[in-house]
Amino acid sequence: MINNEREFPVSTVSGPEDGGREPECSDQVPDLEPAVKKTTPVVRALPAVSSRSWHARVFYWGSHLFVSLIFALLFRLRIAGRENIPPGGMLVCCNHQSHLDPVLVGLACREPITYLARDTLFKGWFAKLITYLGAIPIQRDGLGFAGVKKTLERLKIGEKVVIFPEGTRSPDGNMQALKGGLAVIARRAKVPLLPMAIAGAFDAWPRKQKLPSLKTIQMFVGPPIPLEVVLSLDDDSLTALLESEIRKCWDAARAKRAHRIG
């Protein structure tokens, strides 16, 4: 049983901080074979129910289409590896570079996803907006018990929940070490982990910059870490494996972006 006192660090939106530049990378796309091969198939059913009302789902997909067009035009957004996204519940785990990241992850998925948002954002009209988009309120320093409970509920009905396991936006564009906590959630909900990564969002909107600039953004989605692997590893081993897979996606995204911008 999850300890009520325990916090599970995840990313929340914060104010502008230190900036930096994204490191240069090679055009060579790394090998993205799963670090651990599947031994048995994992059956992932489509959600039998939804946490959203029908009008919330219509609003979500209308917003998805509109924002997809805007990001394609303004940021030349391209997403590779979408074929690696299976249907059904899972934790979507991505590196964290800017305020744009939650939107970018949502655009990468062809199913409605659940966001984790700081509880202080649930005020006024913005609270209605992010609730319509499927957000779960969390405490500033971590999920907390209520956040864990709602996250598990969404995962168990077959929805996808987005987590930025670095815990905060990158101060310099580089990937940071992952924080613990999500391994416990993944095993309790019995769901796979889906690694993906973003390149260029830091250039578009670094922590120190007040407004975004029009820079090219590239995403890459890697093969999911299957459920049998999630259940077989301890917390440290699973976190290390996930970090390795996200880094592979990040290397691939940077290589593709570098090729596109010349």
C-alpha atoms as a PDB file:
ATOM      1  CA  MET A   1       0.000   0.000   0.000  1.00  0.00           C
ATOM      2  CA  ILE A   2       1.333   3.482  -0.894  1.00  0.00           C
ATOM      3  CA  ASN A   3       2.528   5.502   2.057  1.00  0.00           C
ATOM      4  CA  ASN A   4       0.445   8.636   2.458  1.00  0.00           C
ATOM      5  CA  GLU A   5       3.495  10.592   3.542  1.00  0.00           C
ATOM      6  CA  ARG A   6       5.566   9.782   0.479  1.00  0.00           C
ATOM      7  CA  GLU A   7       5.921  12.309  -2.338  1.00  0.00           C
ATOM      8  CA  PHE A   8       6.465  11.322  -5.960  1.00  0.00           C
ATOM      9  CA  PRO A   9       8.417  14.104  -7.679  1.00  0.00           C
ATOM     10  CA  VAL A  10       7.135  15.138 -11.084  1.00  0.00           C
ATOM     11  CA  SER A  11       7.467  18.247 -13.160  1.00  0.00           C
ATOM     12  CA  THR A  12       5.336  21.299 -12.561  1.00  0.00           C
ATOM     13  CA  VAL A  13       5.252  24.622 -14.350  1.00  0.00           C
ATOM     14  CA  SER A  14       7.554  27.170 -12.762  1.00  0.00           C
ATOM     15  CA  GLY A  15       8.783  30.671 -13.491  1.00  0.00           C
ATOM     16  CA  PRO A  16      11.708  31.748 -15.693  1.00  0.00           C
ATOM     17  CA  GLU A  17      15.118  30.707 -14.452  1.00  0.00           C
ATOM     18  CA  ASP A  18      18.568  30.116 -15.908  1.00  0.00           C
ATOM     19  CA  GLY A  19      18.965  29.793 -19.659  1.00  0.00           C
ATOM     20  CA  GLY A  20      21.466  28.076 -21.893  1.00  0.00           C
ATOM     21  CA  ARG A  21      21.993  26.487 -25.244  1.00  0.00           C
ATOM     22  CA  GLU A  22      21.156  23.054 -26.473  1.00  0.00           C
ATOM     23  CA  PRO A  23      24.310  21.046 -27.153  1.00  0.00           C
ATOM     24  CA  GLU A  24      25.344  20.197 -30.666  1.00  0.00           C
ATOM     25  CA  CYS A  25      24.835  16.661 -31.830  1.00  0.00           C
ATOM     26  CA  SER A  26      25.724  14.323 -34.625  1.00  0.00           C
ATOM     27  CA  ASP A  27      23.413  13.490 -37.549  1.00  0.00           C
ATOM     28  CA  GLN A  28      23.804   9.838 -36.606  1.00  0.00           C
ATOM     29  CA  VAL A  29      20.523   8.422 -35.270  1.00  0.00           C
ATOM     30  CA  PRO A  30      21.238   5.916 -32.476  1.00  0.00           C
ATOM     31  CA  ASP A  31      19.999   2.358 -32.336  1.00  0.00           C
ATOM     32  CA  LEU A  32      16.570   2.418 -30.725  1.00  0.00           C
ATOM     33  CA  GLU A  33      16.001  -1.283 -30.173  1.00  0.00           C
ATOM     34  CA  PRO A  34      14.440  -1.866 -26.737  1.00  0.00           C
ATOM     35  CA  ALA A  35      17.073  -2.378 -24.040  1.00  0.00           C
ATOM     36  CA  VAL A  36      15.151  -5.444 -22.835  1.00  0.00           C
ATOM     37  CA  LYS A  37      13.459  -7.717 -25.351  1.00  0.00           C
ATOM     38  CA  LYS A  38       9.867  -8.799 -24.812  1.00  0.00           C
ATOM     39  CA  THR A  39       9.432 -12.396 -23.764  1.00  0.00           C
ATOM     40  CA  THR A  40       5.646 -12.585 -23.827  1.00  0.00           C
ATOM     41  CA  PRO A  41       3.079 -10.361 -25.496  1.00  0.00           C
ATOM     42  CA  VAL A  42       1.404  -7.726 -23.356  1.00  0.00           C
ATOM     43  CA  VAL A  43      -2.286  -7.259 -24.042  1.00  0.00           C
ATOM     44  CA  ARG A  44      -3.354  -3.616 -23.835  1.00  0.00           C
ATOM     45  CA  ALA A  45      -7.053  -3.038 -24.253  1.00  0.00           C
ATOM     46  CA  LEU A  46      -8.539   0.260 -25.311  1.00  0.00           C
ATOM     47  CA  PRO A  47     -10.212   2.219 -22.517  1.00  0.00           C
ATOM     48  CA  ALA A  48     -13.605   0.726 -21.673  1.00  0.00           C
ATOM     49  CA  VAL A  49     -14.622   3.997 -20.033  1.00  0.00           C
ATOM     50  CA  SER A  50     -13.362   7.559 -20.099  1.00  0.00           C
ATOM     51  CA  SER A  51     -12.810  10.110 -17.359  1.00  0.00           C
ATOM     52  CA  ARG A  52     -13.997  12.831 -19.770  1.00  0.00           C
ATOM     53  CA  SER A  53     -17.510  13.817 -20.774  1.00  0.00           C
ATOM     54  CA  TRP A  54     -18.396  13.691 -24.478  1.00  0.00           C
ATOM     55  CA  HIS A  55     -18.172  17.476 -24.807  1.00  0.00           C
ATOM     56  CA  ALA A  56     -14.766  17.463 -23.095  1.00  0.00           C
ATOM     57  CA  ARG A  57     -13.566  14.868 -25.612  1.00  0.00           C
ATOM     58  CA  VAL A  58     -14.859  16.991 -28.511  1.00  0.00           C
ATOM     59  CA  PHE A  59     -13.091  20.033 -27.051  1.00  0.00           C
ATOM     60  CA  TYR A  60      -9.868  18.040 -26.601  1.00  0.00           C
ATOM     61  CA  TRP A  61      -9.747  16.836 -30.200  1.00  0.00           C
ATOM     62  CA  GLY A  62     -10.732  20.221 -31.589  1.00  0.00           C
ATOM     63  CA  SER A  63      -7.912  21.796 -29.600  1.00  0.00           C
ATOM     64  CA  HIS A  64      -5.546  19.002 -30.668  1.00  0.00           C
ATOM     65  CA  LEU A  65      -6.174  19.655 -34.369  1.00  0.00           C
ATOM     66  CA  PHE A  66      -5.903  23.436 -34.054  1.00  0.00           C
ATOM     67  CA  VAL A  67      -2.717  23.389 -31.959  1.00  0.00           C
ATOM     68  CA  SER A  68      -1.131  20.749 -34.243  1.00  0.00           C
ATOM     69  CA  LEU A  69      -1.486  23.114 -37.182  1.00  0.00           C
ATOM     70  CA  ILE A  70      -0.110  26.074 -35.197  1.00  0.00           C
ATOM     71  CA  PHE A  71       2.947  24.151 -33.973  1.00  0.00           C
ATOM     72  CA  ALA A  72       3.632  22.719 -37.435  1.00  0.00           C
ATOM     73  CA  LEU A  73       3.628  26.225 -38.912  1.00  0.00           C
ATOM     74  CA  LEU A  74       5.389  28.174 -36.151  1.00  0.00           C
ATOM     75  CA  PHE A  75       7.863  25.609 -34.791  1.00  0.00           C
ATOM     76  CA  ARG A  76       8.104  23.264 -37.807  1.00  0.00           C
ATOM     77  CA  LEU A  77       7.185  20.479 -35.382  1.00  0.00           C
ATOM     78  CA  ARG A  78       7.859  16.947 -36.582  1.00  0.00           C
ATOM     79  CA  ILE A  79       7.200  13.770 -34.584  1.00  0.00           C
ATOM     80  CA  ALA A  80       9.005  10.511 -35.418  1.00  0.00           C
ATOM     81  CA  GLY A  81       8.255   7.085 -33.957  1.00  0.00           C
ATOM     82  CA  ARG A  82       4.505   7.442 -33.479  1.00  0.00           C
ATOM     83  CA  GLU A  83       4.136   3.835 -34.608  1.00  0.00           C
ATOM     84  CA  ASN A  84       5.716   2.881 -31.252  1.00  0.00           C
ATOM     85  CA  ILE A  85       2.667   4.139 -29.320  1.00  0.00           C
ATOM     86  CA  PRO A  86       0.297   1.253 -28.535  1.00  0.00           C
ATOM     87  CA  PRO A  87      -3.290   1.861 -27.406  1.00  0.00           C
ATOM     88  CA  GLY A  88      -4.260   1.632 -23.759  1.00  0.00           C
ATOM     89  CA  GLY A  89      -3.004   2.793 -20.387  1.00  0.00           C
ATOM     90  CA  MET A  90       0.652   3.625 -19.770  1.00  0.00           C
ATOM     91  CA  LEU A  91       2.937   6.219 -18.249  1.00  0.00           C
ATOM     92  CA  VAL A  92       4.275   8.510 -20.960  1.00  0.00           C
ATOM     93  CA  CYS A  93       7.752   9.623 -19.838  1.00  0.00           C
ATOM     94  CA  CYS A  94       9.531  12.521 -21.550  1.00  0.00           C
ATOM     95  CA  ASN A  95      12.471  14.859 -21.001  1.00  0.00           C
ATOM     96  CA  HIS A  96      11.522  18.382 -19.922  1.00  0.00           C
ATOM     97  CA  GLN A  97      12.863  21.480 -21.690  1.00  0.00           C
ATOM     98  CA  SER A  98      10.196  24.187 -21.607  1.00  0.00           C
ATOM     99  CA  HIS A  99       6.619  25.269 -20.889  1.00  0.00           C
ATOM    100  CA  LEU A 100       5.742  23.897 -24.334  1.00  0.00           C
ATOM    101  CA  ASP A 101       6.448  20.282 -23.359  1.00  0.00           C
ATOM    102  CA  PRO A 102       3.004  19.211 -22.040  1.00  0.00           C
ATOM    103  CA  VAL A 103       1.392  20.436 -25.257  1.00  0.00           C
ATOM    104  CA  LEU A 104       4.071  18.717 -27.371  1.00  0.00           C
ATOM    105  CA  VAL A 105       3.553  15.362 -25.651  1.00  0.00           C
ATOM    106  CA  GLY A 106      -0.197  15.673 -26.171  1.00  0.00           C
ATOM    107  CA  LEU A 107       0.344  16.317 -29.879  1.00  0.00           C
ATOM    108  CA  ALA A 108       2.507  13.192 -30.155  1.00  0.00           C
ATOM    109  CA  CYS A 109      -0.268  10.908 -28.870  1.00  0.00           C
ATOM    110  CA  ARG A 110      -3.309   9.892 -30.898  1.00  0.00           C
ATOM    111  CA  GLU A 111      -5.382   9.273 -27.764  1.00  0.00           C
ATOM    112  CA  PRO A 112      -6.450  11.831 -25.138  1.00  0.00           C
ATOM    113  CA  ILE A 113      -3.846  11.977 -22.387  1.00  0.00           C
ATOM    114  CA  THR A 114      -3.912  12.991 -18.747  1.00  0.00           C
ATOM    115  CA  TYR A 115      -1.690  15.815 -17.542  1.00  0.00           C
ATOM    116  CA  LEU A 116      -0.319  16.477 -14.072  1.00  0.00           C
ATOM    117  CA  ALA A 117      -0.605  20.157 -13.171  1.00  0.00           C
ATOM    118  CA  ARG A 118       0.387  22.082 -10.055  1.00  0.00           C
ATOM    119  CA  ASP A 119      -2.648  22.598  -7.814  1.00  0.00           C
ATOM    120  CA  THR A 120      -2.074  26.366  -7.697  1.00  0.00           C
ATOM    121  CA  LEU A 121      -2.948  26.522 -11.419  1.00  0.00           C
ATOM    122  CA  PHE A 122      -6.522  25.383 -10.740  1.00  0.00           C
ATOM    123  CA  LYS A 123      -7.991  28.860 -10.419  1.00  0.00           C
ATOM    124  CA  GLY A 124     -10.600  30.739 -12.441  1.00  0.00           C
ATOM    125  CA  TRP A 125     -11.049  30.126 -16.165  1.00  0.00           C
ATOM    126  CA  PHE A 126      -7.673  28.366 -16.457  1.00  0.00           C
ATOM    127  CA  ALA A 127      -8.871  25.695 -14.022  1.00  0.00           C
ATOM    128  CA  LYS A 128     -11.829  24.967 -16.321  1.00  0.00           C
ATOM    129  CA  LEU A 129      -9.546  24.825 -19.351  1.00  0.00           C
ATOM    130  CA  ILE A 130      -6.987  22.380 -17.948  1.00  0.00           C
ATOM    131  CA  THR A 131      -9.729  20.272 -16.336  1.00  0.00           C
ATOM    132  CA  TYR A 132     -11.399  19.966 -19.745  1.00  0.00           C
ATOM    133  CA  LEU A 133      -8.030  18.876 -21.120  1.00  0.00           C
ATOM    134  CA  GLY A 134      -7.777  16.115 -18.507  1.00  0.00           C
ATOM    135  CA  ALA A 135      -5.383  17.606 -15.934  1.00  0.00           C
ATOM    136  CA  ILE A 136      -4.878  16.154 -12.434  1.00  0.00           C
ATOM    137  CA  PRO A 137      -3.960  18.617  -9.646  1.00  0.00           C
ATOM    138  CA  ILE A 138      -0.769  17.766  -7.765  1.00  0.00           C
ATOM    139  CA  GLN A 139       1.155  19.352  -4.920  1.00  0.00           C
ATOM    140  CA  ARG A 140       4.045  21.649  -5.797  1.00  0.00           C
ATOM    141  CA  ASP A 141       6.769  19.291  -4.554  1.00  0.00           C
ATOM    142  CA  GLY A 142       5.303  16.008  -5.766  1.00  0.00           C
ATOM    143  CA  LEU A 143       2.223  13.963  -6.519  1.00  0.00           C
ATOM    144  CA  GLY A 144       1.147  13.394  -2.935  1.00  0.00           C
ATOM    145  CA  PHE A 145      -1.399  10.743  -1.991  1.00  0.00           C
ATOM    146  CA  ALA A 146      -4.361  12.357  -3.783  1.00  0.00           C
ATOM    147  CA  GLY A 147      -2.335  12.739  -6.979  1.00  0.00           C
ATOM    148  CA  VAL A 148      -1.189   9.113  -6.817  1.00  0.00           C
ATOM    149  CA  LYS A 149      -4.766   7.907  -6.340  1.00  0.00           C
ATOM    150  CA  LYS A 150      -6.124   9.854  -9.314  1.00  0.00           C
ATOM    151  CA  THR A 151      -3.176   8.843 -11.482  1.00  0.00           C
ATOM    152  CA  LEU A 152      -3.782   5.161 -10.705  1.00  0.00           C
ATOM    153  CA  GLU A 153      -7.488   5.551 -11.475  1.00  0.00           C
ATOM    154  CA  ARG A 154      -6.762   7.010 -14.911  1.00  0.00           C
ATOM    155  CA  LEU A 155      -4.167   4.353 -15.719  1.00  0.00           C
ATOM    156  CA  LYS A 156      -6.411   1.479 -14.645  1.00  0.00           C
ATOM    157  CA  ILE A 157      -9.220   2.530 -16.997  1.00  0.00           C
ATOM    158  CA  GLY A 158      -6.740   2.510 -19.882  1.00  0.00           C
ATOM    159  CA  GLU A 159      -5.750   6.162 -20.188  1.00  0.00           C
ATOM    160  CA  LYS A 160      -2.260   7.549 -20.719  1.00  0.00           C
ATOM    161  CA  VAL A 161      -0.702   9.764 -18.036  1.00  0.00           C
ATOM    162  CA  VAL A 162       2.210  12.099 -18.818  1.00  0.00           C
ATOM    163  CA  ILE A 163       5.098  12.393 -16.372  1.00  0.00           C
ATOM    164  CA  PHE A 164       8.313  14.387 -16.724  1.00  0.00           C
ATOM    165  CA  PRO A 165      10.580  12.255 -14.524  1.00  0.00           C
ATOM    166  CA  GLU A 166      13.421  14.809 -14.395  1.00  0.00           C
ATOM    167  CA  GLY A 167      11.181  16.689 -11.980  1.00  0.00           C
ATOM    168  CA  THR A 168      11.678  20.154 -13.472  1.00  0.00           C
ATOM    169  CA  ARG A 169      12.621  21.893 -16.701  1.00  0.00           C
ATOM    170  CA  SER A 170      16.242  21.611 -17.774  1.00  0.00           C
ATOM    171  CA  PRO A 171      18.346  24.665 -16.854  1.00  0.00           C
ATOM    172  CA  ASP A 172      20.621  24.276 -19.895  1.00  0.00           C
ATOM    173  CA  GLY A 173      18.819  22.087 -22.423  1.00  0.00           C
ATOM    174  CA  ASN A 174      20.613  18.893 -21.375  1.00  0.00           C
ATOM    175  CA  MET A 175      18.809  15.900 -19.908  1.00  0.00           C
ATOM    176  CA  GLN A 176      18.980  15.648 -16.129  1.00  0.00           C
ATOM    177  CA  ALA A 177      19.011  12.504 -14.007  1.00  0.00           C
ATOM    178  CA  LEU A 178      15.554  11.052 -13.416  1.00  0.00           C
ATOM    179  CA  LYS A 179      13.912  11.207 -10.016  1.00  0.00           C
ATOM    180  CA  GLY A 180      12.397   8.133  -8.378  1.00  0.00           C
ATOM    181  CA  GLY A 181       8.755   7.420  -7.655  1.00  0.00           C
ATOM    182  CA  LEU A 182       7.201   6.571 -11.013  1.00  0.00           C
ATOM    183  CA  ALA A 183       8.437   2.949 -10.819  1.00  0.00           C
ATOM    184  CA  VAL A 184       6.111   2.383  -7.855  1.00  0.00           C
ATOM    185  CA  ILE A 185       3.164   3.869  -9.741  1.00  0.00           C
ATOM    186  CA  ALA A 186       3.862   1.843 -12.903  1.00  0.00           C
ATOM    187  CA  ARG A 187       4.037  -1.435 -10.995  1.00  0.00           C
ATOM    188  CA  ARG A 188       0.953  -0.711  -8.903  1.00  0.00           C
ATOM    189  CA  ALA A 189      -1.099   0.225 -11.982  1.00  0.00           C
ATOM    190  CA  LYS A 190       0.485  -2.623 -14.008  1.00  0.00           C
ATOM    191  CA  VAL A 191       1.182  -0.479 -17.072  1.00  0.00           C
ATOM    192  CA  PRO A 192       4.127  -0.144 -19.493  1.00  0.00           C
ATOM    193  CA  LEU A 193       6.361   2.922 -19.745  1.00  0.00           C
ATOM    194  CA  LEU A 194       6.532   4.872 -23.001  1.00  0.00           C
ATOM    195  CA  PRO A 195       9.782   6.857 -23.473  1.00  0.00           C
ATOM    196  CA  MET A 196       9.874   9.890 -25.731  1.00  0.00           C
ATOM    197  CA  ALA A 197      12.001  13.006 -26.048  1.00  0.00           C
ATOM    198  CA  ILE A 198      11.903  16.570 -27.320  1.00  0.00           C
ATOM    199  CA  ALA A 199      14.718  18.506 -29.011  1.00  0.00           C
ATOM    200  CA  GLY A 200      14.537  22.226 -29.739  1.00  0.00           C
ATOM    201  CA  ALA A 201      11.924  23.260 -27.164  1.00  0.00           C
ATOM    202  CA  PHE A 202      14.686  24.667 -24.960  1.00  0.00           C
ATOM    203  CA  ASP A 203      15.891  26.850 -27.832  1.00  0.00           C
ATOM    204  CA  ALA A 204      12.298  27.941 -28.438  1.00  0.00           C
ATOM    205  CA  TRP A 205      11.495  28.774 -24.813  1.00  0.00           C
ATOM    206  CA  PRO A 206      14.350  28.502 -22.278  1.00  0.00           C
ATOM    207  CA  ARG A 207      13.673  29.055 -18.602  1.00  0.00           C
ATOM    208  CA  LYS A 208      15.029  32.615 -18.587  1.00  0.00           C
ATOM    209  CA  GLN A 209      13.011  33.758 -21.601  1.00  0.00           C
ATOM    210  CA  LYS A 210       9.591  35.323 -21.046  1.00  0.00           C
ATOM    211  CA  LEU A 211       8.050  34.467 -24.421  1.00  0.00           C
ATOM    212  CA  PRO A 212       8.751  31.684 -26.941  1.00  0.00           C
ATOM    213  CA  SER A 213      10.718  32.213 -30.133  1.00  0.00           C
ATOM    214  CA  LEU A 214      10.175  30.406 -33.421  1.00  0.00           C
ATOM    215  CA  LYS A 215      12.692  27.559 -33.393  1.00  0.00           C
ATOM    216  CA  THR A 216      12.489  24.135 -35.008  1.00  0.00           C
ATOM    217  CA  ILE A 217      11.228  21.394 -32.672  1.00  0.00           C
ATOM    218  CA  GLN A 218      11.658  17.663 -33.220  1.00  0.00           C
ATOM    219  CA  MET A 219      10.234  14.790 -31.161  1.00  0.00           C
ATOM    220  CA  PHE A 220      11.043  11.098 -31.117  1.00  0.00           C
ATOM    221  CA  VAL A 221       8.961   8.304 -29.571  1.00  0.00           C
ATOM    222  CA  GLY A 222      10.788   5.122 -28.595  1.00  0.00           C
ATOM    223  CA  PRO A 223       9.578   1.547 -28.105  1.00  0.00           C
ATOM    224  CA  PRO A 224       7.652   1.060 -24.853  1.00  0.00           C
ATOM    225  CA  ILE A 225       9.191  -0.753 -21.899  1.00  0.00           C
ATOM    226  CA  PRO A 226       6.819  -3.750 -21.635  1.00  0.00           C
ATOM    227  CA  LEU A 227       4.847  -4.598 -18.536  1.00  0.00           C
ATOM    228  CA  GLU A 228       6.741  -7.806 -17.802  1.00  0.00           C
ATOM    229  CA  VAL A 229       9.984  -5.806 -17.612  1.00  0.00           C
ATOM    230  CA  VAL A 230       8.381  -3.146 -15.393  1.00  0.00           C
ATOM    231  CA  LEU A 231       7.244  -5.850 -12.972  1.00  0.00           C
ATOM    232  CA  SER A 232      10.586  -7.688 -12.978  1.00  0.00           C
ATOM    233  CA  LEU A 233      12.892  -4.786 -12.023  1.00  0.00           C
ATOM    234  CA  ASP A 234      13.435  -2.958  -8.751  1.00  0.00           C
ATOM    235  CA  ASP A 235      12.990   0.834  -8.519  1.00  0.00           C
ATOM    236  CA  ASP A 236      16.611   1.764  -9.239  1.00  0.00           C
ATOM    237  CA  SER A 237      16.991  -0.652 -12.151  1.00  0.00           C
ATOM    238  CA  LEU A 238      13.732   0.435 -13.767  1.00  0.00           C
ATOM    239  CA  THR A 239      14.597   4.128 -13.364  1.00  0.00           C
ATOM    240  CA  ALA A 240      18.031   3.520 -14.905  1.00  0.00           C
ATOM    241  CA  LEU A 241      16.492   1.621 -17.831  1.00  0.00           C
ATOM    242  CA  LEU A 242      13.919   4.350 -18.436  1.00  0.00           C
ATOM    243  CA  GLU A 243      16.605   7.051 -18.369  1.00  0.00           C
ATOM    244  CA  SER A 244      18.636   5.093 -20.916  1.00  0.00           C
ATOM    245  CA  GLU A 245      15.618   4.756 -23.234  1.00  0.00           C
ATOM    246  CA  ILE A 246      14.676   8.461 -22.962  1.00  0.00           C
ATOM    247  CA  ARG A 247      18.294   9.408 -23.735  1.00  0.00           C
ATOM    248  CA  LYS A 248      18.183   7.238 -26.862  1.00  0.00           C
ATOM    249  CA  CYS A 249      15.043   9.098 -27.950  1.00  0.00           C
ATOM    250  CA  TRP A 250      16.682  12.433 -27.146  1.00  0.00           C
ATOM    251  CA  ASP A 251      19.767  11.555 -29.207  1.00  0.00           C
ATOM    252  CA  ALA A 252      17.534  10.541 -32.121  1.00  0.00           C
ATOM    253  CA  ALA A 253      15.445  13.729 -31.858  1.00  0.00           C
ATOM    254  CA  ARG A 254      18.555  15.928 -31.761  1.00  0.00           C
ATOM    255  CA  ALA A 255      20.084  14.148 -34.747  1.00  0.00           C
ATOM    256  CA  LYS A 256      16.930  14.539 -36.814  1.00  0.00           C
ATOM    257  CA  ARG A 257      16.588  18.188 -35.810  1.00  0.00           C
ATOM    258  CA  ALA A 258      20.222  18.925 -36.656  1.00  0.00           C
ATOM    259  CA  HIS A 259      19.722  17.355 -40.077  1.00  0.00           C
ATOM    260  CA  ARG A 260      16.610  19.445 -40.721  1.00  0.00           C
ATOM    261  CA  ILE A 261      18.134  22.801 -39.746  1.00  0.00           C
ATOM    262  CA  GLY A 262      21.430  22.036 -41.512  1.00  0.00           C
END
